Amino acid sequence: MPIILVTNDDGYGSEGIHVLANALARVGDVTIVAPTSESSAIGHALTLRRPLRLEQVGDRTYSVDGTPTDCVNVAIAQVFKRLPDLVVSGINKGWNLGDDVTYSGTVSGALEGALLGVPAIAVSLRQTRGAYDFSYAADVAATLAEGMLARPLPSRTFLNVNVPKGQPKGWRVTVQASRNHITSVAERHDPQERPYYWLEEGQTEWHPHERSDYQTVRDGYVSITPLQPDLTAHSVLGAVEELFPAKELETR
């Protein structure tokens, strides 16, 4: 059976990762390697300035005191000692849409898989008050996993999947939304009157786009967005070459 690595940024104890792993068990042999504690909004960070600890905390369940990206690398090097057939990251408590994918630890877990040549999926569920129902998101993830294993995407691409609350109306293949984003930096003071700062969501205005991931989940559908790590602005290459034509510098 295919070997499937499951990770997340909410930590190995999150309910979402275990519901996801149970659903994926119908697709392959599942092992969880996830952060010891929550690592949300940590992006694609690697831990390079301290040692990492790997601990087995259950049957086919391991914790790493690092980031989701750390978890993928430690899993491959020390748990599997080979590349898995699929990496699935999630289920995150809260959407990862549009520009927010650059901050997301959930998306970065899948991104690291793609960089290493492994098919990968990131799965996120709408944030809600009270208990979460991960079942629909887990079922979608398992269905997509079957499809990707049967017919892998091109190298260095992966899927970012966002699921609405409750039973979805269906799914749609989407593009990343964009928005006007202003982060508010609030100044506060500790009991010694020393200032400290708190980053807050200041302003969010999504640009309308009928095929965007944001609009799709707002309409009640699962959003499936193919992503890639290549951040080159290919459409702007010509303009930059006109501005800065190729030039040979004299050697001093």
C-alpha atoms as a PDB file:
ATOM      1  CA  MET A   1       0.000   0.000   0.000  1.00  0.00           C
ATOM      2  CA  PRO A   2       1.125   3.597  -0.518  1.00  0.00           C
ATOM      3  CA  ILE A   3       3.015   5.199   2.373  1.00  0.00           C
ATOM      4  CA  ILE A   4       1.313   8.427   3.511  1.00  0.00           C
ATOM      5  CA  LEU A   5       2.848  11.044   5.799  1.00  0.00           C
ATOM      6  CA  VAL A   6       0.356  13.213   7.675  1.00  0.00           C
ATOM      7  CA  THR A   7       1.479  16.420   9.358  1.00  0.00           C
ATOM      8  CA  ASN A   8      -0.026  19.760  10.408  1.00  0.00           C
ATOM      9  CA  ASP A   9       0.705  23.010  12.239  1.00  0.00           C
ATOM     10  CA  ASP A  10      -1.810  22.554  15.077  1.00  0.00           C
ATOM     11  CA  GLY A  11       0.234  19.838  16.787  1.00  0.00           C
ATOM     12  CA  TYR A  12       0.058  16.055  16.957  1.00  0.00           C
ATOM     13  CA  GLY A  13      -2.751  16.181  19.548  1.00  0.00           C
ATOM     14  CA  SER A  14      -5.152  18.106  17.319  1.00  0.00           C
ATOM     15  CA  GLU A  15      -8.412  16.314  16.596  1.00  0.00           C
ATOM     16  CA  GLY A  16      -8.225  17.336  12.949  1.00  0.00           C
ATOM     17  CA  ILE A  17      -5.028  15.431  12.211  1.00  0.00           C
ATOM     18  CA  HIS A  18      -6.415  12.200  13.677  1.00  0.00           C
ATOM     19  CA  VAL A  19      -9.705  12.425  11.771  1.00  0.00           C
ATOM     20  CA  LEU A  20      -7.639  13.041   8.629  1.00  0.00           C
ATOM     21  CA  ALA A  21      -5.343  10.080   9.324  1.00  0.00           C
ATOM     22  CA  ASN A  22      -8.312   7.765   9.903  1.00  0.00           C
ATOM     23  CA  ALA A  23      -9.878   8.780   6.584  1.00  0.00           C
ATOM     24  CA  LEU A  24      -6.596   8.312   4.715  1.00  0.00           C
ATOM     25  CA  ALA A  25      -6.179   4.816   6.165  1.00  0.00           C
ATOM     26  CA  ARG A  26      -8.477   3.554   3.409  1.00  0.00           C
ATOM     27  CA  VAL A  27      -5.955   4.843   0.875  1.00  0.00           C
ATOM     28  CA  GLY A  28      -2.620   3.731   2.328  1.00  0.00           C
ATOM     29  CA  ASP A  29      -0.400   3.136   5.358  1.00  0.00           C
ATOM     30  CA  VAL A  30      -0.585   6.347   7.396  1.00  0.00           C
ATOM     31  CA  THR A  31       1.998   7.731   9.805  1.00  0.00           C
ATOM     32  CA  ILE A  32       1.583  11.007  11.694  1.00  0.00           C
ATOM     33  CA  VAL A  33       4.663  13.182  12.272  1.00  0.00           C
ATOM     34  CA  ALA A  34       3.548  16.563  13.578  1.00  0.00           C
ATOM     35  CA  PRO A  35       4.747  19.399  15.808  1.00  0.00           C
ATOM     36  CA  THR A  36       4.814  18.925  19.569  1.00  0.00           C
ATOM     37  CA  SER A  37       2.873  22.189  19.994  1.00  0.00           C
ATOM     38  CA  GLU A  38       0.921  24.592  17.799  1.00  0.00           C
ATOM     39  CA  SER A  39       3.016  26.171  15.042  1.00  0.00           C
ATOM     40  CA  SER A  40       0.426  28.264  13.215  1.00  0.00           C
ATOM     41  CA  ALA A  41       1.447  31.143  10.905  1.00  0.00           C
ATOM     42  CA  ILE A  42       5.057  29.974  10.996  1.00  0.00           C
ATOM     43  CA  GLY A  43       5.316  29.684   7.227  1.00  0.00           C
ATOM     44  CA  HIS A  44       8.029  27.590   5.637  1.00  0.00           C
ATOM     45  CA  ALA A  45      10.460  27.898   8.532  1.00  0.00           C
ATOM     46  CA  LEU A  46      13.251  25.415   9.239  1.00  0.00           C
ATOM     47  CA  THR A  47      14.843  25.040  12.671  1.00  0.00           C
ATOM     48  CA  LEU A  48      18.592  25.468  12.159  1.00  0.00           C
ATOM     49  CA  ARG A  49      19.914  26.896  15.443  1.00  0.00           C
ATOM     50  CA  ARG A  50      18.971  24.182  17.930  1.00  0.00           C
ATOM     51  CA  PRO A  51      18.575  20.395  17.936  1.00  0.00           C
ATOM     52  CA  LEU A  52      15.224  18.762  17.235  1.00  0.00           C
ATOM     53  CA  ARG A  53      13.662  16.005  19.331  1.00  0.00           C
ATOM     54  CA  LEU A  54      11.673  13.172  17.751  1.00  0.00           C
ATOM     55  CA  GLU A  55       9.384  11.222  20.094  1.00  0.00           C
ATOM     56  CA  GLN A  56       6.973   8.390  19.413  1.00  0.00           C
ATOM     57  CA  VAL A  57       3.750   9.320  21.195  1.00  0.00           C
ATOM     58  CA  GLY A  58       1.422   6.612  19.893  1.00  0.00           C
ATOM     59  CA  ASP A  59       0.900   3.945  17.288  1.00  0.00           C
ATOM     60  CA  ARG A  60       2.418   5.361  14.079  1.00  0.00           C
ATOM     61  CA  THR A  61       2.324   8.806  15.700  1.00  0.00           C
ATOM     62  CA  TYR A  62       5.408  10.935  16.316  1.00  0.00           C
ATOM     63  CA  SER A  63       6.036  14.439  17.579  1.00  0.00           C
ATOM     64  CA  VAL A  64       8.838  16.809  16.612  1.00  0.00           C
ATOM     65  CA  ASP A  65       9.545  19.943  18.635  1.00  0.00           C
ATOM     66  CA  GLY A  66       9.790  22.057  15.515  1.00  0.00           C
ATOM     67  CA  THR A  67       7.889  23.344  12.502  1.00  0.00           C
ATOM     68  CA  PRO A  68       5.784  21.472   9.937  1.00  0.00           C
ATOM     69  CA  THR A  69       8.700  21.734   7.508  1.00  0.00           C
ATOM     70  CA  ASP A  70      10.973  20.192  10.147  1.00  0.00           C
ATOM     71  CA  CYS A  71       8.454  17.384  10.626  1.00  0.00           C
ATOM     72  CA  VAL A  72       8.441  16.428   6.945  1.00  0.00           C
ATOM     73  CA  ASN A  73      12.234  16.293   6.797  1.00  0.00           C
ATOM     74  CA  VAL A  74      12.657  14.387  10.062  1.00  0.00           C
ATOM     75  CA  ALA A  75       9.938  11.931   9.037  1.00  0.00           C
ATOM     76  CA  ILE A  76      11.640  11.172   5.737  1.00  0.00           C
ATOM     77  CA  ALA A  77      15.151  10.913   7.204  1.00  0.00           C
ATOM     78  CA  GLN A  78      14.432   9.129  10.483  1.00  0.00           C
ATOM     79  CA  VAL A  79      10.972   7.529  10.458  1.00  0.00           C
ATOM     80  CA  PHE A  80      10.521   6.284   6.884  1.00  0.00           C
ATOM     81  CA  LYS A  81      14.158   6.466   5.779  1.00  0.00           C
ATOM     82  CA  ARG A  82      12.742   6.984   2.289  1.00  0.00           C
ATOM     83  CA  LEU A  83      10.340   9.301   0.509  1.00  0.00           C
ATOM     84  CA  PRO A  84       6.656   8.625   1.216  1.00  0.00           C
ATOM     85  CA  ASP A  85       4.207   8.315  -1.635  1.00  0.00           C
ATOM     86  CA  LEU A  86       2.083  11.217  -0.419  1.00  0.00           C
ATOM     87  CA  VAL A  87       2.230  14.062   2.116  1.00  0.00           C
ATOM     88  CA  VAL A  88      -1.040  15.427   3.511  1.00  0.00           C
ATOM     89  CA  SER A  89      -1.010  18.411   5.877  1.00  0.00           C
ATOM     90  CA  GLY A  90      -4.026  19.316   8.022  1.00  0.00           C
ATOM     91  CA  ILE A  91      -6.826  19.500   8.839  1.00  0.00           C
ATOM     92  CA  ASN A  92      -6.212  23.096   9.832  1.00  0.00           C
ATOM     93  CA  LYS A  93      -8.664  24.999  12.037  1.00  0.00           C
ATOM     94  CA  GLY A  94      -9.229  27.935   9.736  1.00  0.00           C
ATOM     95  CA  TRP A  95      -8.964  28.569   6.020  1.00  0.00           C
ATOM     96  CA  ASN A  96      -5.677  29.222   4.230  1.00  0.00           C
ATOM     97  CA  LEU A  97      -6.799  31.305   1.272  1.00  0.00           C
ATOM     98  CA  GLY A  98      -5.222  33.696  -1.182  1.00  0.00           C
ATOM     99  CA  ASP A  99      -2.114  35.487   0.001  1.00  0.00           C
ATOM    100  CA  ASP A 100      -2.333  33.824   3.407  1.00  0.00           C
ATOM    101  CA  VAL A 101      -0.729  30.662   2.032  1.00  0.00           C
ATOM    102  CA  THR A 102       2.652  32.378   2.435  1.00  0.00           C
ATOM    103  CA  TYR A 103       2.165  32.481   6.222  1.00  0.00           C
ATOM    104  CA  SER A 104       0.587  29.084   6.646  1.00  0.00           C
ATOM    105  CA  GLY A 105       2.383  26.254   8.405  1.00  0.00           C
ATOM    106  CA  THR A 106      -0.259  23.866   7.046  1.00  0.00           C
ATOM    107  CA  VAL A 107       0.457  24.841   3.450  1.00  0.00           C
ATOM    108  CA  SER A 108       4.199  24.745   4.129  1.00  0.00           C
ATOM    109  CA  GLY A 109       4.017  21.114   5.200  1.00  0.00           C
ATOM    110  CA  ALA A 110       2.635  20.245   1.770  1.00  0.00           C
ATOM    111  CA  LEU A 111       5.021  22.648   0.055  1.00  0.00           C
ATOM    112  CA  GLU A 112       8.004  20.850   1.586  1.00  0.00           C
ATOM    113  CA  GLY A 113       6.688  17.565   0.263  1.00  0.00           C
ATOM    114  CA  ALA A 114       6.397  19.059  -3.218  1.00  0.00           C
ATOM    115  CA  LEU A 115       9.931  20.463  -3.056  1.00  0.00           C
ATOM    116  CA  LEU A 116      11.191  16.980  -2.225  1.00  0.00           C
ATOM    117  CA  GLY A 117       9.339  15.473  -5.174  1.00  0.00           C
ATOM    118  CA  VAL A 118       6.401  13.975  -3.255  1.00  0.00           C
ATOM    119  CA  PRO A 119       2.733  14.542  -4.223  1.00  0.00           C
ATOM    120  CA  ALA A 120       1.179  16.676  -1.490  1.00  0.00           C
ATOM    121  CA  ILE A 121      -2.095  18.172  -0.255  1.00  0.00           C
ATOM    122  CA  ALA A 122      -2.828  20.867   2.347  1.00  0.00           C
ATOM    123  CA  VAL A 123      -6.320  20.770   3.881  1.00  0.00           C
ATOM    124  CA  SER A 124      -7.991  23.558   5.864  1.00  0.00           C
ATOM    125  CA  LEU A 125     -11.500  23.933   7.322  1.00  0.00           C
ATOM    126  CA  ARG A 126     -13.418  27.108   8.040  1.00  0.00           C
ATOM    127  CA  GLN A 127     -12.828  28.405  11.553  1.00  0.00           C
ATOM    128  CA  THR A 128     -15.892  28.021  13.742  1.00  0.00           C
ATOM    129  CA  ARG A 129     -17.018  28.627  17.286  1.00  0.00           C
ATOM    130  CA  GLY A 130     -17.490  25.501  19.342  1.00  0.00           C
ATOM    131  CA  ALA A 131     -16.807  21.975  18.145  1.00  0.00           C
ATOM    132  CA  TYR A 132     -15.389  21.301  14.685  1.00  0.00           C
ATOM    133  CA  ASP A 133     -16.791  18.723  12.291  1.00  0.00           C
ATOM    134  CA  PHE A 134     -13.752  17.497  10.371  1.00  0.00           C
ATOM    135  CA  SER A 135     -15.539  14.601   8.692  1.00  0.00           C
ATOM    136  CA  TYR A 136     -16.379  16.268   5.359  1.00  0.00           C
ATOM    137  CA  ALA A 137     -12.880  17.727   4.987  1.00  0.00           C
ATOM    138  CA  ALA A 138     -11.333  14.342   5.783  1.00  0.00           C
ATOM    139  CA  ASP A 139     -13.500  12.570   3.205  1.00  0.00           C
ATOM    140  CA  VAL A 140     -12.560  15.128   0.553  1.00  0.00           C
ATOM    141  CA  ALA A 141      -8.878  14.715   1.414  1.00  0.00           C
ATOM    142  CA  ALA A 142      -9.087  10.932   1.088  1.00  0.00           C
ATOM    143  CA  THR A 143     -10.820  11.190  -2.293  1.00  0.00           C
ATOM    144  CA  LEU A 144      -8.219  13.640  -3.587  1.00  0.00           C
ATOM    145  CA  ALA A 145      -5.427  11.460  -2.212  1.00  0.00           C
ATOM    146  CA  GLU A 146      -6.724   8.482  -4.195  1.00  0.00           C
ATOM    147  CA  GLY A 147      -6.833  10.582  -7.333  1.00  0.00           C
ATOM    148  CA  MET A 148      -3.342  12.012  -6.885  1.00  0.00           C
ATOM    149  CA  LEU A 149      -1.810   8.613  -6.202  1.00  0.00           C
ATOM    150  CA  ALA A 150      -3.458   7.209  -9.319  1.00  0.00           C
ATOM    151  CA  ARG A 151      -2.485  10.189 -11.473  1.00  0.00           C
ATOM    152  CA  PRO A 152       0.209  12.385  -9.864  1.00  0.00           C
ATOM    153  CA  LEU A 153       0.419  16.071 -10.678  1.00  0.00           C
ATOM    154  CA  PRO A 154       3.500  17.462 -12.440  1.00  0.00           C
ATOM    155  CA  SER A 155       6.636  17.628 -10.306  1.00  0.00           C
ATOM    156  CA  ARG A 156       6.870  20.444  -7.721  1.00  0.00           C
ATOM    157  CA  THR A 157       3.158  21.149  -7.635  1.00  0.00           C
ATOM    158  CA  PHE A 158       0.650  20.445  -4.871  1.00  0.00           C
ATOM    159  CA  LEU A 159      -2.950  21.122  -3.867  1.00  0.00           C
ATOM    160  CA  ASN A 160      -4.240  23.662  -1.377  1.00  0.00           C
ATOM    161  CA  VAL A 161      -7.728  22.550  -0.297  1.00  0.00           C
ATOM    162  CA  ASN A 162     -10.163  24.688   1.698  1.00  0.00           C
ATOM    163  CA  VAL A 163     -13.469  23.332   2.965  1.00  0.00           C
ATOM    164  CA  PRO A 164     -16.589  25.265   4.069  1.00  0.00           C
ATOM    165  CA  LYS A 165     -18.426  24.558   7.290  1.00  0.00           C
ATOM    166  CA  GLY A 166     -20.934  21.693   7.090  1.00  0.00           C
ATOM    167  CA  GLN A 167     -21.627  19.563   4.042  1.00  0.00           C
ATOM    168  CA  PRO A 168     -20.115  21.116   0.908  1.00  0.00           C
ATOM    169  CA  LYS A 169     -22.213  21.636  -2.228  1.00  0.00           C
ATOM    170  CA  GLY A 170     -19.385  20.117  -4.268  1.00  0.00           C
ATOM    171  CA  TRP A 171     -15.928  21.241  -5.260  1.00  0.00           C
ATOM    172  CA  ARG A 172     -14.311  23.616  -7.699  1.00  0.00           C
ATOM    173  CA  VAL A 173     -10.784  24.044  -9.056  1.00  0.00           C
ATOM    174  CA  THR A 174      -9.782  27.598  -8.179  1.00  0.00           C
ATOM    175  CA  VAL A 175      -7.117  30.282  -8.253  1.00  0.00           C
ATOM    176  CA  GLN A 176      -5.656  32.192  -5.333  1.00  0.00           C
ATOM    177  CA  ALA A 177      -7.634  35.205  -4.251  1.00  0.00           C
ATOM    178  CA  SER A 178      -5.920  38.547  -3.657  1.00  0.00           C
ATOM    179  CA  ARG A 179      -6.787  41.277  -1.229  1.00  0.00           C
ATOM    180  CA  ASN A 180      -5.858  44.619   0.245  1.00  0.00           C
ATOM    181  CA  HIS A 181      -4.182  43.623   3.468  1.00  0.00           C
ATOM    182  CA  ILE A 182      -3.127  46.004   6.214  1.00  0.00           C
ATOM    183  CA  THR A 183      -1.649  44.595   9.409  1.00  0.00           C
ATOM    184  CA  SER A 184      -2.251  46.630  12.538  1.00  0.00           C
ATOM    185  CA  VAL A 185       0.641  46.847  15.003  1.00  0.00           C
ATOM    186  CA  ALA A 186      -0.823  47.707  18.403  1.00  0.00           C
ATOM    187  CA  GLU A 187       1.430  49.143  21.108  1.00  0.00           C
ATOM    188  CA  ARG A 188       0.733  48.067  24.662  1.00  0.00           C
ATOM    189  CA  HIS A 189       2.606  48.346  27.963  1.00  0.00           C
ATOM    190  CA  ASP A 190       3.618  45.822  30.580  1.00  0.00           C
ATOM    191  CA  PRO A 191       3.342  46.460  34.350  1.00  0.00           C
ATOM    192  CA  GLN A 192       6.771  48.181  34.226  1.00  0.00           C
ATOM    193  CA  GLU A 193       5.438  50.500  31.500  1.00  0.00           C
ATOM    194  CA  ARG A 194       7.761  48.988  28.918  1.00  0.00           C
ATOM    195  CA  PRO A 195       6.187  48.925  25.434  1.00  0.00           C
ATOM    196  CA  TYR A 196       5.467  45.728  23.567  1.00  0.00           C
ATOM    197  CA  TYR A 197       3.677  45.150  20.282  1.00  0.00           C
ATOM    198  CA  TRP A 198       0.842  42.911  19.110  1.00  0.00           C
ATOM    199  CA  LEU A 199       0.198  42.150  15.430  1.00  0.00           C
ATOM    200  CA  GLU A 200      -3.492  42.245  14.579  1.00  0.00           C
ATOM    201  CA  GLU A 201      -5.664  41.960  11.477  1.00  0.00           C
ATOM    202  CA  GLY A 202      -6.175  45.572  10.529  1.00  0.00           C
ATOM    203  CA  GLN A 203      -8.023  45.555   7.214  1.00  0.00           C
ATOM    204  CA  THR A 204      -8.977  42.833   4.786  1.00  0.00           C
ATOM    205  CA  GLU A 205     -10.736  43.523   1.502  1.00  0.00           C
ATOM    206  CA  TRP A 206     -10.877  40.619  -0.927  1.00  0.00           C
ATOM    207  CA  HIS A 207     -10.815  41.482  -4.622  1.00  0.00           C
ATOM    208  CA  PRO A 208     -13.818  40.014  -6.446  1.00  0.00           C
ATOM    209  CA  HIS A 209     -13.023  37.029  -8.669  1.00  0.00           C
ATOM    210  CA  GLU A 210     -15.611  34.370  -9.465  1.00  0.00           C
ATOM    211  CA  ARG A 211     -13.006  31.595  -9.650  1.00  0.00           C
ATOM    212  CA  SER A 212     -11.050  32.553  -6.538  1.00  0.00           C
ATOM    213  CA  ASP A 213     -10.588  30.223  -3.582  1.00  0.00           C
ATOM    214  CA  TYR A 214     -12.205  32.822  -1.302  1.00  0.00           C
ATOM    215  CA  GLN A 215     -15.371  33.184  -3.369  1.00  0.00           C
ATOM    216  CA  THR A 216     -15.661  29.435  -3.832  1.00  0.00           C
ATOM    217  CA  VAL A 217     -15.663  28.570  -0.130  1.00  0.00           C
ATOM    218  CA  ARG A 218     -17.962  31.497   0.607  1.00  0.00           C
ATOM    219  CA  ASP A 219     -20.394  29.964  -1.890  1.00  0.00           C
ATOM    220  CA  GLY A 220     -20.293  26.655  -0.003  1.00  0.00           C
ATOM    221  CA  TYR A 221     -17.966  24.659  -2.260  1.00  0.00           C
ATOM    222  CA  VAL A 222     -14.629  23.002  -1.561  1.00  0.00           C
ATOM    223  CA  SER A 223     -11.805  25.014  -3.132  1.00  0.00           C
ATOM    224  CA  ILE A 224      -8.988  23.027  -4.777  1.00  0.00           C
ATOM    225  CA  THR A 225      -6.092  25.279  -5.797  1.00  0.00           C
ATOM    226  CA  PRO A 226      -2.981  23.893  -7.496  1.00  0.00           C
ATOM    227  CA  LEU A 227       0.119  25.664  -6.178  1.00  0.00           C
ATOM    228  CA  GLN A 228       3.816  25.648  -6.987  1.00  0.00           C
ATOM    229  CA  PRO A 229       6.935  26.913  -5.189  1.00  0.00           C
ATOM    230  CA  ASP A 230       8.129  28.853  -8.266  1.00  0.00           C
ATOM    231  CA  LEU A 231       7.490  32.500  -7.340  1.00  0.00           C
ATOM    232  CA  THR A 232       8.955  33.888 -10.552  1.00  0.00           C
ATOM    233  CA  ALA A 233       6.693  36.549 -12.078  1.00  0.00           C
ATOM    234  CA  HIS A 234       6.962  35.077 -15.568  1.00  0.00           C
ATOM    235  CA  SER A 235       4.616  37.651 -17.102  1.00  0.00           C
ATOM    236  CA  VAL A 236       6.951  40.448 -15.985  1.00  0.00           C
ATOM    237  CA  LEU A 237      10.229  38.987 -17.316  1.00  0.00           C
ATOM    238  CA  GLY A 238      10.003  41.006 -20.542  1.00  0.00           C
ATOM    239  CA  ALA A 239       9.371  44.289 -18.732  1.00  0.00           C
ATOM    240  CA  VAL A 240      12.307  43.714 -16.401  1.00  0.00           C
ATOM    241  CA  GLU A 241      14.582  42.848 -19.348  1.00  0.00           C
ATOM    242  CA  GLU A 242      13.572  46.117 -21.026  1.00  0.00           C
ATOM    243  CA  LEU A 243      14.325  48.017 -17.831  1.00  0.00           C
ATOM    244  CA  PHE A 244      17.571  46.179 -17.180  1.00  0.00           C
ATOM    245  CA  PRO A 245      18.898  44.755 -20.488  1.00  0.00           C
ATOM    246  CA  ALA A 246      21.457  41.986 -20.261  1.00  0.00           C
ATOM    247  CA  LYS A 247      24.893  43.389 -19.599  1.00  0.00           C
ATOM    248  CA  GLU A 248      28.392  42.043 -19.264  1.00  0.00           C
ATOM    249  CA  LEU A 249      30.451  43.687 -16.523  1.00  0.00           C
ATOM    250  CA  GLU A 250      34.151  44.214 -16.957  1.00  0.00           C
ATOM    251  CA  THR A 251      36.294  42.102 -14.660  1.00  0.00           C
ATOM    252  CA  ARG A 252      38.419  44.146 -12.327  1.00  0.00           C
END
